[in-house]
Amino acid sequence: MTLILTALCKNGICVCADTRYADKKWDGGFKDGFDKIHKFESCPLIIFNHGVNKFNNKYWNEFCLEYEQLGQWQDKDLIQIADDFKNFIKDDVESELRKGKAQSNVSGFVLCGKTPKDNKYKIKELYWSLGSNGIDFKPIRWKSNIIGSGLGYEKYLDSLIRGDEILNKDKYWKTRKIIQIKKKLKELFDIAVVKKKQKGGDEFSDRCKTKCITK
């Protein structure tokens, strides 16, 4: 139950996310109003999660805050931070997936930003999935300037963006500024909301939150 859009642009990076969490214990199976984007206070770095979001009774953002406060990410570039964060959270993610009690059998953490050690903005995803052969982990180094995460993206926006001769080109995103990108991501999110309602879906919330980092 997620729709998250991430775009690299001329002067930064922007993330637009829905606010829905899923949990079988809730009436209806989900609640809205959650913040799915963790933005570091002292570094241009964002982490967000999709898929399973609670591990050993702690939500994903609690782990992110704990990791930020540890400070071991300092003096590392983004790729090194992603690898370090993977080691920090790996056991909890894999333990939760093996329980098989969540509504999803995958969990992804996407790290994006630019540290003092980086010469450009980067995006790296840590992706775990539970299959018939056990836990599979896949690190993904995203090089596209626009990426989508979650079932909401797959069902309502993926084919639209891939089929658009402007939006599917990195050139479009590279030449836009943060304020333009923020507006465009909200437009795309609203299109997905309309499509969802037309099909009677409930994969993500009707409202979104957006956070950006810039030079």
Protein backbone atom coordinates (compact mmCIF):
# COMPACT_ATOMS: atom_id res chain seq x y z
CA MET A 1 0.00 0.00 0.00
CA THR A 2 2.36 2.65 -1.24
CA LEU A 3 2.93 5.24 -3.94
CA ILE A 4 6.21 7.13 -3.78
CA LEU A 5 7.75 9.24 -6.54
CA THR A 6 11.38 10.37 -6.50
CA ALA A 7 12.96 12.77 -8.97
CA LEU A 8 16.47 14.10 -9.45
CA CYS A 9 16.43 17.56 -10.97
CA LYS A 10 18.66 20.50 -11.84
CA ASN A 11 19.34 21.62 -8.29
CA GLY A 12 18.35 18.79 -5.98
CA ILE A 13 16.04 15.88 -5.32
CA CYS A 14 12.37 15.64 -4.41
CA VAL A 15 10.30 12.80 -2.89
CA CYS A 16 6.50 12.67 -2.93
CA ALA A 17 4.86 9.92 -0.86
CA ASP A 18 1.40 8.81 0.15
CA THR A 19 0.62 8.50 3.87
CA ARG A 20 -0.97 5.04 4.24
CA TYR A 21 0.26 2.24 6.51
CA ALA A 22 -1.21 -1.25 6.35
CA ASP A 23 -1.78 -3.45 9.38
CA LYS A 24 -4.20 -6.36 9.75
CA LYS A 25 -5.07 -5.30 13.32
CA TRP A 26 -6.70 -2.05 12.14
CA ASP A 27 -10.33 -1.75 11.10
CA GLY A 28 -10.19 -1.81 7.31
CA GLY A 29 -6.56 -2.93 7.41
CA PHE A 30 -4.95 0.49 7.02
CA LYS A 31 -4.62 4.05 8.34
CA ASP A 32 -3.61 7.31 6.67
CA GLY A 33 -1.69 10.33 7.91
CA PHE A 34 1.79 8.84 8.32
CA ASP A 35 5.04 10.43 7.17
CA LYS A 36 6.92 8.01 4.91
CA ILE A 37 9.93 10.26 4.29
CA HIS A 38 12.76 10.54 6.82
CA LYS A 39 14.90 13.60 6.14
CA PHE A 40 18.18 13.96 8.03
CA GLU A 41 18.52 17.24 9.94
CA SER A 42 22.24 17.85 9.39
CA CYS A 43 22.87 16.26 6.01
CA PRO A 44 21.12 16.43 2.58
CA LEU A 45 19.95 12.84 2.87
CA ILE A 46 16.50 11.23 2.67
CA ILE A 47 15.47 7.66 3.48
CA PHE A 48 12.06 6.23 2.71
CA ASN A 49 10.50 2.79 2.94
CA HIS A 50 7.96 0.76 0.99
CA GLY A 51 6.52 -2.71 1.57
CA VAL A 52 6.79 -4.08 5.10
CA ASN A 53 7.31 -1.09 7.39
CA LYS A 54 7.38 -2.53 10.90
CA PHE A 55 10.14 -4.77 12.21
CA ASN A 56 10.10 -6.41 15.65
CA ASN A 57 7.43 -3.91 16.78
CA LYS A 58 9.38 -0.83 15.61
CA TYR A 59 8.38 1.24 12.60
CA TRP A 60 10.93 1.83 9.85
CA ASN A 61 11.37 5.53 10.70
CA GLU A 62 12.38 4.70 14.27
CA PHE A 63 15.30 2.74 12.83
CA CYS A 64 16.15 5.67 10.55
CA LEU A 65 16.17 8.14 13.43
CA GLU A 66 18.28 5.80 15.54
CA TYR A 67 20.75 5.38 12.69
CA GLU A 68 20.92 9.14 12.14
CA GLN A 69 21.60 9.76 15.82
CA LEU A 70 24.39 7.19 15.91
CA GLY A 71 26.34 9.39 13.51
CA GLN A 72 28.27 6.56 11.89
CA TRP A 73 27.13 7.82 8.49
CA GLN A 74 29.38 10.85 8.80
CA ASP A 75 32.43 11.02 6.52
CA LYS A 76 30.85 8.52 4.13
CA ASP A 77 29.47 9.01 0.63
CA LEU A 78 25.89 8.01 -0.17
CA ILE A 79 26.75 4.54 -1.44
CA GLN A 80 28.83 3.83 1.65
CA ILE A 81 25.99 5.09 3.86
CA ALA A 82 23.56 2.77 2.07
CA ASP A 83 25.84 -0.20 2.67
CA ASP A 84 26.27 0.78 6.31
CA PHE A 85 22.53 1.25 6.79
CA LYS A 86 21.94 -2.17 5.24
CA ASN A 87 24.15 -3.76 7.89
CA PHE A 88 22.38 -1.73 10.57
CA ILE A 89 18.85 -2.89 9.69
CA LYS A 90 19.40 -6.20 7.87
CA ASP A 91 18.73 -8.61 10.75
CA ASP A 92 15.49 -6.88 11.76
CA VAL A 93 14.13 -6.78 8.19
CA GLU A 94 14.95 -10.40 7.46
CA SER A 95 13.59 -11.57 10.80
CA GLU A 96 10.26 -9.83 10.17
CA LEU A 97 9.94 -11.14 6.62
CA ARG A 98 10.58 -14.71 7.77
CA LYS A 99 7.61 -14.45 10.16
CA GLY A 100 5.37 -14.11 7.11
CA LYS A 101 2.69 -12.24 9.06
CA ALA A 102 2.71 -8.93 7.17
CA GLN A 103 0.43 -8.10 4.24
CA SER A 104 3.49 -7.85 2.00
CA ASN A 105 6.50 -10.14 1.54
CA VAL A 106 8.88 -7.39 0.41
CA SER A 107 10.54 -4.41 2.04
CA GLY A 108 12.58 -1.68 0.40
CA PHE A 109 14.59 1.22 1.78
CA VAL A 110 15.60 3.96 -0.65
CA LEU A 111 18.41 6.36 0.25
CA CYS A 112 18.88 9.49 -1.80
CA GLY A 113 20.86 12.69 -1.54
CA LYS A 114 24.36 14.13 -1.79
CA THR A 115 26.89 14.15 1.02
CA PRO A 116 30.09 16.25 1.11
CA LYS A 117 31.82 13.15 -0.29
CA ASP A 118 29.59 13.04 -3.39
CA ASN A 119 29.90 15.10 -6.56
CA LYS A 120 26.26 14.60 -7.53
CA TYR A 121 22.91 13.46 -6.16
CA LYS A 122 22.46 9.69 -6.05
CA ILE A 123 19.76 7.13 -5.32
CA LYS A 124 20.33 3.61 -3.97
CA GLU A 125 17.70 1.10 -2.91
CA LEU A 126 18.03 -1.82 -0.51
CA TYR A 127 15.39 -4.38 -1.45
CA TRP A 128 14.50 -7.55 0.45
CA SER A 129 11.93 -10.15 -0.62
CA LEU A 130 10.69 -13.44 0.80
CA GLY A 131 10.23 -16.24 -1.72
CA SER A 132 10.04 -20.01 -1.80
CA ASN A 133 13.83 -20.18 -1.46
CA GLY A 134 13.97 -17.86 1.52
CA ILE A 135 15.19 -14.26 1.80
CA ASP A 136 16.60 -12.55 -1.27
CA PHE A 137 18.44 -9.24 -1.03
CA LYS A 138 19.04 -6.97 -4.01
CA PRO A 139 20.90 -3.64 -3.95
CA ILE A 140 19.70 -1.32 -6.72
CA ARG A 141 21.71 1.69 -7.88
CA TRP A 142 19.11 3.88 -9.58
CA LYS A 143 20.52 6.01 -12.40
CA SER A 144 17.23 7.23 -13.85
CA ASN A 145 16.15 10.74 -12.86
CA ILE A 146 12.61 9.57 -12.07
CA ILE A 147 11.73 6.43 -10.12
CA GLY A 148 8.52 5.09 -8.63
CA SER A 149 8.02 2.79 -5.65
CA GLY A 150 5.12 0.71 -4.40
CA LEU A 151 2.06 -1.04 -5.75
CA GLY A 152 0.31 2.27 -6.42
CA TYR A 153 3.06 3.26 -8.83
CA GLU A 154 3.10 -0.11 -10.58
CA LYS A 155 -0.67 -0.11 -11.12
CA TYR A 156 -1.40 3.51 -11.99
CA LEU A 157 1.69 5.44 -13.12
CA ASP A 158 4.40 3.12 -14.41
CA SER A 159 2.98 2.61 -17.89
CA LEU A 160 1.90 6.25 -18.11
CA ILE A 161 5.41 7.59 -17.43
CA ARG A 162 7.19 4.97 -19.53
CA GLY A 163 4.88 5.74 -22.44
CA ASP A 164 5.31 9.52 -22.24
CA GLU A 165 7.99 10.78 -24.64
CA ILE A 166 8.80 13.71 -22.34
CA LEU A 167 8.45 12.33 -18.81
CA ASN A 168 10.41 9.16 -19.52
CA LYS A 169 13.50 11.12 -20.56
CA ASP A 170 16.09 12.13 -17.95
CA LYS A 171 16.59 15.37 -19.88
CA TYR A 172 13.16 16.60 -18.76
CA TRP A 173 13.93 16.17 -15.06
CA LYS A 174 17.55 17.37 -15.27
CA THR A 175 16.49 20.75 -16.67
CA ARG A 176 13.79 21.46 -14.06
CA LYS A 177 14.25 23.19 -10.72
CA ILE A 178 12.99 21.92 -7.36
CA ILE A 179 9.86 24.08 -7.34
CA GLN A 180 8.88 22.77 -10.80
CA ILE A 181 9.60 19.16 -9.89
CA LYS A 182 7.62 19.39 -6.66
CA LYS A 183 4.60 20.61 -8.62
CA LYS A 184 4.97 17.92 -11.31
CA LEU A 185 5.22 15.08 -8.78
CA LYS A 186 2.04 16.30 -7.09
CA GLU A 187 0.30 16.39 -10.48
CA LEU A 188 1.35 12.80 -11.18
CA PHE A 189 0.25 11.71 -7.70
CA ASP A 190 -3.18 13.29 -8.27
CA ILE A 191 -3.49 11.48 -11.61
CA ALA A 192 -2.84 8.20 -9.79
CA VAL A 193 -5.52 9.06 -7.21
CA VAL A 194 -8.08 9.59 -9.97
CA LYS A 195 -7.13 6.29 -11.64
CA LYS A 196 -7.32 4.48 -8.31
CA LYS A 197 -10.81 5.79 -7.58
CA GLN A 198 -12.00 4.87 -11.08
CA LYS A 199 -10.94 1.27 -10.44
CA GLY A 200 -12.15 1.15 -6.83
CA GLY A 201 -8.66 0.63 -5.46
CA ASP A 202 -7.29 1.33 -1.99
CA GLU A 203 -3.55 0.87 -2.51
CA PHE A 204 -2.51 4.29 -1.17
CA SER A 205 -3.89 7.44 0.44
CA ASP A 206 -5.55 10.30 -1.44
CA ARG A 207 -3.14 12.80 0.08
CA CYS A 208 0.62 12.98 -0.08
CA LYS A 209 3.59 14.60 1.62
CA THR A 210 6.59 16.01 -0.25
CA LYS A 211 10.12 16.69 0.99
CA CYS A 212 13.02 18.08 -1.02
CA ILE A 213 16.73 18.66 -0.61
CA THR A 214 18.64 21.17 -2.67
CA LYS A 215 22.09 22.66 -3.16
